[in-house]
N, C-alpha and C. Protein backbone atom coordinates (compact mmCIF):
# COMPACT_ATOMS: atom_id res chain seq x y z
N MET A 1 -33.57 -72.93 112.93
CA MET A 1 -34.52 -72.45 114.20
C MET A 1 -34.18 -74.52 114.42
N ASN A 2 -34.44 -75.26 113.81
CA ASN A 2 -34.86 -76.39 114.34
C ASN A 2 -34.63 -77.60 113.44
N ALA A 3 -34.29 -78.65 114.15
CA ALA A 3 -33.20 -79.62 113.31
C ALA A 3 -34.14 -81.56 113.96
N GLU A 4 -34.10 -82.12 112.62
CA GLU A 4 -34.57 -83.13 113.32
C GLU A 4 -33.67 -84.44 112.40
N VAL A 5 -32.92 -85.56 113.26
CA VAL A 5 -31.93 -86.28 113.15
C VAL A 5 -32.14 -87.23 112.69
N TYR A 6 -32.09 -88.28 111.38
CA TYR A 6 -32.18 -89.24 111.26
C TYR A 6 -31.00 -90.15 111.05
N LEU A 7 -30.79 -91.63 111.57
CA LEU A 7 -29.95 -92.27 111.34
C LEU A 7 -29.92 -93.89 110.35
N ASN A 8 -29.92 -93.94 109.23
CA ASN A 8 -30.07 -95.10 108.09
C ASN A 8 -31.67 -95.13 108.65
N GLY A 9 -32.40 -93.78 108.29
CA GLY A 9 -33.70 -94.00 107.97
C GLY A 9 -34.81 -94.06 109.36
N GLN A 10 -33.70 -93.92 110.52
CA GLN A 10 -34.46 -93.93 111.91
C GLN A 10 -34.41 -92.78 112.23
N ARG A 11 -35.60 -92.30 112.96
CA ARG A 11 -35.36 -91.05 113.84
C ARG A 11 -34.98 -90.92 115.14
N ILE A 12 -33.40 -90.18 115.16
CA ILE A 12 -32.90 -90.60 116.77
C ILE A 12 -33.31 -89.38 117.39
N GLY A 13 -33.99 -87.81 117.04
CA GLY A 13 -34.25 -86.88 117.83
C GLY A 13 -34.36 -85.62 117.22
N ASP A 14 -34.92 -84.72 117.79
CA ASP A 14 -35.43 -83.35 116.88
C ASP A 14 -35.40 -82.69 118.03
N GLY A 15 -35.58 -81.48 117.74
CA GLY A 15 -35.42 -80.38 118.91
C GLY A 15 -36.68 -79.40 119.04
N GLY A 16 -37.94 -80.28 118.88
CA GLY A 16 -39.00 -80.04 119.10
C GLY A 16 -40.33 -79.52 118.03
N ARG A 17 -41.22 -78.86 117.74
CA ARG A 17 -41.86 -78.18 117.17
C ARG A 17 -41.47 -77.54 115.78
N PHE A 18 -42.01 -78.07 114.47
CA PHE A 18 -41.84 -77.87 113.51
C PHE A 18 -42.85 -76.90 112.94
N GLU A 19 -43.82 -76.84 113.30
CA GLU A 19 -45.41 -76.08 112.71
C GLU A 19 -45.06 -75.12 113.22
N GLU A 20 -45.99 -74.27 113.32
CA GLU A 20 -45.81 -72.64 113.62
C GLU A 20 -46.26 -72.42 115.24
N PRO A 21 -45.69 -72.48 116.19
CA PRO A 21 -44.33 -71.34 115.72
C PRO A 21 -43.56 -72.48 116.01
N ILE A 22 -42.66 -72.14 115.08
CA ILE A 22 -41.18 -73.41 115.12
C ILE A 22 -40.79 -73.29 116.58
N ALA A 23 -40.28 -74.57 116.85
CA ALA A 23 -39.07 -74.85 118.29
C ALA A 23 -38.07 -73.67 118.11
N ARG A 24 -37.65 -73.02 118.99
CA ARG A 24 -36.30 -72.36 118.55
C ARG A 24 -35.22 -72.77 119.15
N ASN A 25 -34.39 -73.26 118.42
CA ASN A 25 -33.18 -73.83 118.87
C ASN A 25 -31.77 -73.08 118.13
N TRP A 26 -31.93 -71.67 117.83
CA TRP A 26 -31.09 -70.99 117.07
C TRP A 26 -29.96 -70.98 118.09
N ASN A 27 -30.11 -70.61 119.69
CA ASN A 27 -28.78 -70.73 120.40
C ASN A 27 -28.88 -71.81 121.23
N ARG A 28 -29.47 -72.38 121.03
CA ARG A 28 -29.61 -73.88 121.97
C ARG A 28 -28.77 -75.25 121.46
N PRO A 29 -27.90 -75.53 122.12
CA PRO A 29 -27.37 -76.49 121.54
C PRO A 29 -27.85 -78.33 121.43
N LEU A 30 -28.02 -78.85 120.64
CA LEU A 30 -28.79 -79.91 120.75
C LEU A 30 -27.70 -81.23 120.81
N LEU A 31 -28.24 -82.84 121.71
CA LEU A 31 -27.59 -83.38 121.55
C LEU A 31 -28.38 -84.75 121.38
N PHE A 32 -27.87 -85.76 120.59
CA PHE A 32 -29.01 -86.92 119.70
C PHE A 32 -28.08 -87.85 120.05
N LEU A 33 -28.11 -88.87 120.65
CA LEU A 33 -27.67 -90.06 120.81
C LEU A 33 -27.99 -90.89 120.07
N ILE A 34 -27.40 -91.84 119.30
CA ILE A 34 -27.74 -92.80 118.97
C ILE A 34 -28.23 -94.39 119.37
N PRO A 35 -28.89 -94.86 119.55
CA PRO A 35 -29.49 -95.93 120.23
C PRO A 35 -28.61 -97.21 119.67
N HIS A 36 -28.18 -98.20 120.93
CA HIS A 36 -27.23 -99.01 120.24
C HIS A 36 -27.98 -100.02 119.17
N GLY A 37 -27.32 -100.31 118.34
CA GLY A 37 -27.51 -101.30 117.24
C GLY A 37 -27.77 -100.96 115.75
N LEU A 38 -27.70 -99.41 116.03
CA LEU A 38 -28.50 -98.96 114.78
C LEU A 38 -27.24 -97.96 113.72
N LEU A 39 -25.90 -98.28 114.26
CA LEU A 39 -24.70 -98.06 113.43
C LEU A 39 -24.69 -99.60 112.74
N ARG A 40 -24.65 -99.62 111.75
CA ARG A 40 -24.02 -100.48 110.58
C ARG A 40 -22.79 -100.88 110.39
N PRO A 41 -22.09 -101.90 110.42
CA PRO A 41 -20.88 -101.81 109.45
C PRO A 41 -20.52 -101.28 108.48
N GLY A 42 -19.41 -100.31 108.08
CA GLY A 42 -19.46 -99.99 106.59
C GLY A 42 -20.08 -98.85 106.85
N GLU A 43 -20.81 -98.36 105.56
CA GLU A 43 -21.62 -97.18 105.15
C GLU A 43 -23.01 -97.22 105.99
N ASN A 44 -23.27 -95.78 106.44
CA ASN A 44 -24.49 -95.07 107.25
C ASN A 44 -24.57 -94.03 106.65
N ARG A 45 -25.96 -93.61 106.84
CA ARG A 45 -26.48 -92.51 106.65
C ARG A 45 -27.17 -91.74 107.45
N LEU A 46 -26.48 -90.31 107.24
CA LEU A 46 -27.21 -89.48 108.32
C LEU A 46 -27.99 -88.25 107.83
N ASP A 47 -29.05 -87.98 107.90
CA ASP A 47 -30.01 -86.85 107.18
C ASP A 47 -30.41 -86.25 108.26
N ILE A 48 -30.42 -84.77 108.12
CA ILE A 48 -30.97 -83.72 108.99
C ILE A 48 -32.33 -82.71 108.54
N ARG A 49 -33.45 -82.95 108.72
CA ARG A 49 -34.11 -82.20 108.36
C ARG A 49 -34.25 -81.08 109.12
N LEU A 50 -34.09 -79.85 108.18
CA LEU A 50 -33.89 -78.87 108.83
C LEU A 50 -35.05 -77.53 109.03
N ARG A 51 -35.27 -76.91 109.68
CA ARG A 51 -36.56 -75.69 109.59
C ARG A 51 -36.22 -74.27 110.08
N SER A 52 -36.53 -73.32 109.27
CA SER A 52 -36.11 -72.11 109.57
C SER A 52 -37.35 -71.05 109.04
N HIS A 53 -37.44 -69.86 109.13
CA HIS A 53 -38.32 -69.24 108.85
C HIS A 53 -37.95 -67.80 108.05
N ALA A 54 -38.20 -67.09 107.35
CA ALA A 54 -37.47 -66.04 106.50
C ALA A 54 -37.63 -65.05 107.27
N TYR A 55 -37.89 -64.86 108.69
CA TYR A 55 -37.23 -63.60 109.63
C TYR A 55 -35.93 -64.38 110.07
N THR A 56 -35.27 -65.18 110.13
CA THR A 56 -34.54 -65.40 111.24
C THR A 56 -33.41 -65.45 110.02
N GLN A 57 -32.16 -66.26 110.65
CA GLN A 57 -30.58 -66.42 110.00
C GLN A 57 -30.30 -67.34 110.05
N ALA A 58 -30.60 -68.32 109.04
CA ALA A 58 -30.80 -69.57 108.96
C ALA A 58 -29.16 -69.92 109.11
N ALA A 59 -28.73 -71.24 109.47
CA ALA A 59 -27.47 -71.58 109.46
C ALA A 59 -27.55 -72.77 110.36
N LEU A 60 -26.29 -73.80 110.14
CA LEU A 60 -26.58 -74.90 110.62
C LEU A 60 -24.94 -74.70 110.94
N HIS A 61 -24.86 -74.96 112.42
CA HIS A 61 -23.24 -75.09 112.74
C HIS A 61 -22.51 -76.53 112.82
N PRO A 62 -21.71 -76.52 112.51
CA PRO A 62 -21.22 -77.81 112.47
C PRO A 62 -21.09 -78.74 113.33
N LEU A 63 -21.38 -80.05 112.90
CA LEU A 63 -22.07 -81.06 113.39
C LEU A 63 -20.83 -81.93 114.21
N TRP A 64 -20.89 -82.56 115.43
CA TRP A 64 -20.11 -83.28 116.04
C TRP A 64 -20.45 -84.81 116.42
N ILE A 65 -19.59 -85.23 115.73
CA ILE A 65 -20.30 -86.89 116.00
C ILE A 65 -18.84 -87.73 116.64
N GLY A 66 -19.26 -88.49 117.39
CA GLY A 66 -18.17 -88.87 118.44
C GLY A 66 -18.71 -89.95 119.84
N PRO A 67 -18.07 -90.00 120.74
CA PRO A 67 -18.46 -90.73 122.24
C PRO A 67 -19.58 -90.07 122.63
N GLU A 68 -20.19 -90.55 123.41
CA GLU A 68 -21.10 -89.39 124.46
C GLU A 68 -20.55 -88.87 125.59
N SER A 69 -19.29 -89.56 125.93
CA SER A 69 -18.54 -88.79 126.77
C SER A 69 -17.80 -87.48 126.44
N GLU A 70 -17.59 -87.62 125.14
CA GLU A 70 -17.34 -86.22 124.73
C GLU A 70 -17.84 -85.35 124.62
N LEU A 71 -18.62 -85.49 123.75
CA LEU A 71 -19.77 -84.85 123.02
C LEU A 71 -20.62 -84.24 124.09
N ARG A 72 -20.69 -84.89 125.30
CA ARG A 72 -21.54 -84.14 126.86
C ARG A 72 -21.03 -83.57 127.10
N ARG A 73 -19.40 -83.49 127.13
CA ARG A 73 -18.88 -82.29 128.00
C ARG A 73 -18.96 -81.25 127.00
N HIS A 74 -18.46 -81.02 125.65
CA HIS A 74 -18.93 -79.98 125.18
C HIS A 74 -20.53 -79.11 125.07
N TYR A 75 -21.60 -80.27 124.98
CA TYR A 75 -22.85 -80.25 124.99
C TYR A 75 -23.33 -79.34 126.35
N GLU A 76 -22.73 -79.99 127.35
CA GLU A 76 -22.85 -79.08 128.80
C GLU A 76 -22.23 -77.54 128.98
N ARG A 77 -21.12 -77.68 128.48
CA ARG A 77 -20.29 -76.25 128.44
C ARG A 77 -20.87 -75.08 127.27
N ALA A 78 -21.49 -75.82 126.49
CA ALA A 78 -22.67 -74.81 125.19
C ALA A 78 -23.76 -74.17 125.84
N HIS A 79 -24.55 -75.59 126.32
CA HIS A 79 -25.46 -75.27 127.19
C HIS A 79 -25.61 -74.13 128.42
N PHE A 80 -24.36 -74.32 128.92
CA PHE A 80 -24.14 -73.45 130.29
C PHE A 80 -24.13 -71.81 129.84
N LEU A 81 -23.15 -71.49 128.99
CA LEU A 81 -22.64 -70.33 128.15
C LEU A 81 -23.97 -69.99 127.42
N ASN A 82 -24.72 -70.55 126.69
CA ASN A 82 -25.64 -69.85 126.12
C ASN A 82 -27.21 -70.08 126.65
N ILE A 83 -27.22 -70.62 127.22
CA ILE A 83 -28.64 -70.81 128.40
C ILE A 83 -28.57 -70.41 129.63
N THR A 84 -27.97 -70.91 130.44
CA THR A 84 -27.93 -70.55 131.96
C THR A 84 -27.42 -69.04 131.98
N VAL A 85 -25.99 -69.04 131.25
CA VAL A 85 -25.79 -67.42 131.57
C VAL A 85 -26.94 -66.40 131.42
N ASN A 86 -27.30 -66.77 130.13
CA ASN A 86 -27.71 -66.03 129.64
C ASN A 86 -29.61 -65.95 130.42
N GLN A 87 -29.92 -66.85 130.97
CA GLN A 87 -31.03 -66.65 132.31
C GLN A 87 -30.43 -66.22 133.32
N THR A 88 -29.35 -66.29 133.75
CA THR A 88 -28.88 -65.72 134.84
C THR A 88 -28.73 -63.93 134.87
N ALA A 89 -28.23 -63.75 133.73
CA ALA A 89 -28.40 -62.14 133.18
C ALA A 89 -29.57 -61.90 132.56
N THR A 90 -30.32 -62.82 132.61
CA THR A 90 -31.99 -62.15 132.16
C THR A 90 -32.08 -61.64 133.95
N LEU A 91 -32.42 -62.71 134.84
CA LEU A 91 -32.87 -62.50 136.33
C LEU A 91 -32.27 -61.03 136.69
N LEU A 92 -30.99 -60.92 136.67
CA LEU A 92 -30.27 -59.75 137.38
C LEU A 92 -30.72 -58.45 136.58
N ILE A 93 -30.60 -58.75 135.41
CA ILE A 93 -31.03 -57.36 134.50
C ILE A 93 -32.74 -56.77 135.14
N GLY A 94 -33.23 -57.76 135.09
CA GLY A 94 -34.56 -57.52 135.22
C GLY A 94 -34.82 -57.21 137.02
N ALA A 95 -33.95 -57.81 138.06
CA ALA A 95 -33.57 -57.32 139.02
C ALA A 95 -33.48 -55.69 139.24
N ILE A 96 -32.71 -55.61 138.58
CA ILE A 96 -31.90 -53.91 138.71
C ILE A 96 -32.91 -53.13 138.04
N GLY A 97 -33.40 -53.42 136.95
CA GLY A 97 -35.00 -53.01 136.81
C GLY A 97 -36.00 -52.41 137.54
N LEU A 98 -36.25 -53.52 138.27
CA LEU A 98 -37.50 -53.42 139.18
C LEU A 98 -36.71 -52.43 140.38
N LEU A 99 -35.80 -52.59 141.10
CA LEU A 99 -34.96 -51.77 142.08
C LEU A 99 -34.83 -50.23 141.55
N MET A 100 -34.42 -49.63 140.13
CA MET A 100 -34.67 -48.51 139.69
C MET A 100 -36.41 -48.23 139.80
N LEU A 101 -37.38 -48.82 139.41
CA LEU A 101 -38.24 -48.40 139.44
C LEU A 101 -38.86 -48.39 140.75
N SER A 102 -38.48 -49.17 141.54
CA SER A 102 -38.84 -48.87 143.06
C SER A 102 -38.43 -47.39 143.67
N LEU A 103 -36.81 -47.12 143.50
CA LEU A 103 -36.02 -46.06 143.56
C LEU A 103 -36.99 -44.37 143.19
N TRP A 104 -37.61 -44.87 141.72
CA TRP A 104 -37.99 -43.78 141.61
C TRP A 104 -39.48 -43.49 142.30
N LEU A 105 -40.33 -45.03 142.36
CA LEU A 105 -41.86 -44.52 142.86
C LEU A 105 -41.25 -43.64 144.22
N ARG A 106 -39.88 -43.71 145.18
CA ARG A 106 -39.99 -42.87 146.07
C ARG A 106 -39.25 -42.01 145.66
N ARG A 107 -38.67 -41.67 144.95
CA ARG A 107 -38.59 -39.89 144.31
C ARG A 107 -38.80 -39.64 142.99
N ARG A 108 -40.03 -39.66 142.89
CA ARG A 108 -40.76 -39.28 141.35
C ARG A 108 -40.18 -38.39 140.91
N ARG A 109 -39.57 -37.37 141.17
CA ARG A 109 -38.69 -36.30 140.43
C ARG A 109 -37.37 -36.72 139.54
N ASP A 110 -36.67 -37.88 139.98
CA ASP A 110 -36.06 -38.18 139.68
C ASP A 110 -36.11 -39.43 138.31
N THR A 111 -36.48 -39.18 137.73
CA THR A 111 -37.11 -39.71 136.08
C THR A 111 -36.16 -40.57 135.73
N ALA A 112 -34.69 -40.13 135.55
CA ALA A 112 -33.39 -40.97 135.34
C ALA A 112 -33.72 -42.63 135.74
N TYR A 113 -34.35 -42.68 137.10
CA TYR A 113 -34.45 -43.96 137.37
C TYR A 113 -35.69 -44.86 136.77
N ALA A 114 -36.67 -43.67 136.54
CA ALA A 114 -37.78 -44.58 135.67
C ALA A 114 -37.54 -44.79 134.49
N TYR A 115 -36.82 -44.44 133.62
CA TYR A 115 -36.32 -44.80 132.37
C TYR A 115 -35.38 -45.44 132.58
N PHE A 116 -34.79 -45.91 133.02
CA PHE A 116 -33.29 -46.84 133.32
C PHE A 116 -33.89 -47.91 133.66
N GLY A 117 -35.10 -48.10 134.28
CA GLY A 117 -35.80 -48.89 135.10
C GLY A 117 -36.63 -49.73 134.03
N ILE A 118 -37.39 -48.88 133.51
CA ILE A 118 -37.94 -49.24 132.11
C ILE A 118 -37.15 -50.11 131.11
N SER A 119 -36.14 -49.46 130.76
CA SER A 119 -34.73 -50.09 129.91
C SER A 119 -34.50 -51.07 130.48
N ALA A 120 -34.20 -51.52 131.75
CA ALA A 120 -33.52 -52.82 131.90
C ALA A 120 -34.71 -53.63 131.74
N VAL A 121 -36.16 -53.68 132.46
CA VAL A 121 -37.19 -54.47 132.51
C VAL A 121 -36.74 -55.16 130.47
N VAL A 122 -37.09 -53.89 130.29
CA VAL A 122 -37.42 -54.37 128.82
C VAL A 122 -36.18 -55.43 128.25
N TRP A 123 -34.84 -54.70 128.62
CA TRP A 123 -33.74 -55.68 127.91
C TRP A 123 -33.95 -56.95 128.59
N ALA A 124 -34.74 -56.77 129.61
CA ALA A 124 -34.76 -58.59 130.33
C ALA A 124 -35.51 -59.30 129.19
N LEU A 125 -36.64 -58.31 129.26
CA LEU A 125 -37.92 -59.41 128.32
C LEU A 125 -37.08 -59.47 126.88
N GLN A 126 -36.39 -58.54 126.35
CA GLN A 126 -36.09 -58.74 124.89
C GLN A 126 -35.06 -60.10 125.16
N SER A 127 -34.20 -60.15 126.58
CA SER A 127 -33.18 -61.29 126.34
C SER A 127 -33.72 -62.84 126.43
N THR A 128 -34.90 -62.86 126.16
CA THR A 128 -35.71 -63.94 126.69
C THR A 128 -35.20 -64.75 125.32
N ASN A 129 -34.90 -63.94 124.17
CA ASN A 129 -35.16 -64.46 122.91
C ASN A 129 -33.74 -65.44 122.53
N LEU A 130 -33.07 -65.44 123.75
CA LEU A 130 -31.49 -66.14 123.68
C LEU A 130 -31.90 -67.39 124.12
N TYR A 131 -33.12 -67.85 124.86
CA TYR A 131 -33.04 -69.10 125.25
C TYR A 131 -34.76 -69.81 125.34
N VAL A 132 -35.43 -68.89 125.14
CA VAL A 132 -36.90 -69.41 124.76
C VAL A 132 -37.22 -70.12 123.56
N ARG A 133 -37.63 -71.69 124.22
CA ARG A 133 -37.58 -72.81 122.95
C ARG A 133 -39.07 -72.72 122.40
N ASN A 134 -40.11 -72.35 123.08
CA ASN A 134 -41.19 -72.01 122.57
C ASN A 134 -42.26 -70.96 122.93
N SER A 135 -42.01 -70.33 121.83
CA SER A 135 -42.64 -69.08 121.87
C SER A 135 -43.99 -68.86 121.95
N PRO A 136 -44.66 -67.92 122.49
CA PRO A 136 -46.28 -67.88 122.55
C PRO A 136 -46.70 -67.32 120.99
N LEU A 137 -45.82 -66.98 120.19
CA LEU A 137 -46.38 -66.30 118.95
C LEU A 137 -45.68 -66.89 117.80
N SER A 138 -46.19 -66.34 116.49
CA SER A 138 -45.53 -67.35 115.62
C SER A 138 -44.08 -66.82 115.82
N THR A 139 -43.54 -67.10 115.06
CA THR A 139 -42.05 -67.25 114.43
C THR A 139 -41.74 -65.64 113.88
N ALA A 140 -42.29 -65.17 113.25
CA ALA A 140 -42.48 -63.90 112.63
C ALA A 140 -42.65 -63.07 113.43
N GLY A 141 -43.93 -62.93 114.61
CA GLY A 141 -43.92 -62.11 115.17
C GLY A 141 -42.98 -62.08 116.69
N TRP A 142 -42.95 -63.72 117.15
CA TRP A 142 -41.31 -63.34 118.31
C TRP A 142 -40.45 -62.78 117.51
N GLU A 143 -39.81 -62.95 116.43
CA GLU A 143 -39.16 -61.90 115.61
C GLU A 143 -39.11 -60.58 115.88
N ILE A 144 -39.86 -59.85 114.96
CA ILE A 144 -40.37 -58.91 115.25
C ILE A 144 -40.30 -58.10 116.22
N LEU A 145 -41.39 -58.45 117.36
CA LEU A 145 -41.04 -57.95 118.92
C LEU A 145 -40.07 -58.40 119.36
N SER A 146 -39.02 -59.43 119.06
CA SER A 146 -37.96 -59.60 120.02
C SER A 146 -36.83 -58.34 119.68
N ASN A 147 -36.40 -57.90 118.09
CA ASN A 147 -36.09 -57.28 117.38
C ASN A 147 -36.05 -55.72 117.68
N ALA A 148 -37.67 -55.31 118.00
CA ALA A 148 -38.30 -54.36 118.48
C ALA A 148 -37.94 -53.80 119.38
N GLY A 149 -37.72 -54.71 120.46
CA GLY A 149 -37.50 -54.48 121.96
C GLY A 149 -36.01 -53.77 122.13
N PHE A 150 -35.20 -54.13 121.09
CA PHE A 150 -33.61 -53.37 121.09
C PHE A 150 -34.04 -52.06 121.12
N GLN A 151 -34.58 -51.67 120.06
CA GLN A 151 -34.91 -49.89 119.98
C GLN A 151 -35.79 -49.42 121.09
N VAL A 152 -36.47 -50.36 122.19
CA VAL A 152 -37.08 -49.49 122.69
C VAL A 152 -36.30 -49.81 123.95
N PHE A 153 -35.54 -50.45 124.05
CA PHE A 153 -34.56 -50.64 125.30
C PHE A 153 -33.51 -49.73 125.08
N SER A 154 -32.81 -49.60 123.88
CA SER A 154 -31.76 -48.34 123.62
C SER A 154 -32.60 -47.06 123.75
N ALA A 155 -33.58 -46.73 123.18
CA ALA A 155 -34.20 -45.46 123.36
C ALA A 155 -34.41 -44.96 124.78
N PHE A 156 -34.84 -45.69 125.64
CA PHE A 156 -35.09 -45.34 127.05
C PHE A 156 -34.03 -45.37 127.87
N LEU A 157 -32.83 -46.13 127.57
CA LEU A 157 -31.61 -46.10 128.03
C LEU A 157 -31.00 -44.20 127.64
N LEU A 158 -31.09 -44.56 126.47
CA LEU A 158 -30.66 -42.96 126.63
C LEU A 158 -31.19 -41.76 126.88
N ILE A 159 -32.74 -41.70 126.90
CA ILE A 159 -32.90 -40.78 128.02
C ILE A 159 -33.01 -41.07 129.39
N SER A 160 -33.07 -42.25 130.01
CA SER A 160 -32.32 -41.99 131.25
C SER A 160 -31.13 -41.19 131.56
N LEU A 161 -29.92 -41.48 130.57
CA LEU A 161 -28.83 -41.15 130.60
C LEU A 161 -28.99 -39.57 130.71
N LEU A 162 -29.47 -39.26 129.29
CA LEU A 162 -29.57 -37.51 129.23
C LEU A 162 -30.39 -36.99 130.75
N ARG A 163 -31.30 -37.88 131.21
CA ARG A 163 -31.87 -36.78 132.42
C ARG A 163 -31.02 -37.11 133.61
N PHE A 164 -30.58 -37.94 133.61
CA PHE A 164 -29.19 -38.29 134.73
C PHE A 164 -28.26 -37.04 134.71
N VAL A 165 -27.87 -36.84 133.66
CA VAL A 165 -26.92 -35.83 133.67
C VAL A 165 -27.67 -34.35 133.45
N SER A 166 -28.44 -34.20 133.54
CA SER A 166 -29.76 -33.28 133.47
C SER A 166 -29.57 -32.41 131.97
N VAL A 167 -29.49 -33.21 130.93
CA VAL A 167 -29.12 -32.68 129.73
C VAL A 167 -30.56 -32.57 129.11
N GLY A 168 -31.34 -31.51 128.98
CA GLY A 168 -32.84 -31.37 128.58
C GLY A 168 -33.34 -31.53 127.08
N ASN A 169 -32.05 -31.79 126.13
CA ASN A 169 -32.62 -31.82 125.04
C ASN A 169 -33.46 -32.25 124.16
N ARG A 170 -34.74 -31.07 123.92
CA ARG A 170 -36.29 -31.84 123.83
C ARG A 170 -36.51 -32.46 122.60
N PRO A 171 -35.61 -31.57 121.71
CA PRO A 171 -35.80 -32.60 120.84
C PRO A 171 -35.32 -33.85 120.17
N LEU A 172 -33.93 -34.18 120.96
CA LEU A 172 -33.61 -35.29 120.82
C LEU A 172 -34.59 -36.18 121.74
N ILE A 173 -34.66 -35.77 123.02
CA ILE A 173 -35.78 -36.96 123.78
C ILE A 173 -37.32 -37.18 122.95
N ALA A 174 -37.55 -35.85 122.20
CA ALA A 174 -38.93 -36.32 121.41
C ALA A 174 -38.57 -37.71 120.22
N ALA A 175 -37.39 -36.92 119.49
CA ALA A 175 -37.42 -38.39 118.54
C ALA A 175 -36.57 -39.27 119.13
N LEU A 176 -35.87 -39.51 120.08
CA LEU A 176 -35.79 -41.03 120.96
C LEU A 176 -37.46 -42.04 121.17
N TRP A 177 -38.23 -40.80 121.94
CA TRP A 177 -39.81 -41.61 122.14
C TRP A 177 -40.40 -42.14 120.86
N GLY A 178 -39.93 -41.18 119.61
CA GLY A 178 -40.72 -41.49 118.55
C GLY A 178 -40.07 -42.95 117.97
N ALA A 179 -38.94 -42.95 118.30
CA ALA A 179 -38.12 -44.26 117.94
C ALA A 179 -38.58 -45.27 118.99
N ALA A 180 -39.07 -45.62 120.03
CA ALA A 180 -39.49 -45.87 120.96
C ALA A 180 -40.92 -46.52 120.56
N ILE A 181 -41.74 -45.78 119.84
CA ILE A 181 -42.78 -46.21 119.92
C ILE A 181 -42.71 -46.54 118.44
């Protein structure tokens, strides 16, 4: 979830808060530059302080050490793919959800639009887990809410598809509502 990096006992950077709620860097690349003069000839010591939570899948990706020009290129690419693309997709999914809800407001009998719109909005909200760094909830609360959002999204998406193809399987729809709740 978070890291703090020291070189030869000097802090060179961190990813944010280490106390609850912990800064969320699980999908975000971090780039720390070594200040001029901190590297010594011969042996140097790199220490990394990590912080995770029981509700998360703790892992440390391989470290890359090298010239800034090379690392910056990798950092920018990873940031674009992991953060920018996901933020853009979230906006598009949210806009599609609002469009479907506005269509439903014009045609109330077509409930497939409402369920699909709600599903897309929930999907967009759940997708913020990919790039939100500082959550407004505790780490456990955010993880539970984020993971529960997937079940709600899936249930409403399936209900919208059943409504769209006019399959009125009441027990299945009731079970999907139960799953969503």
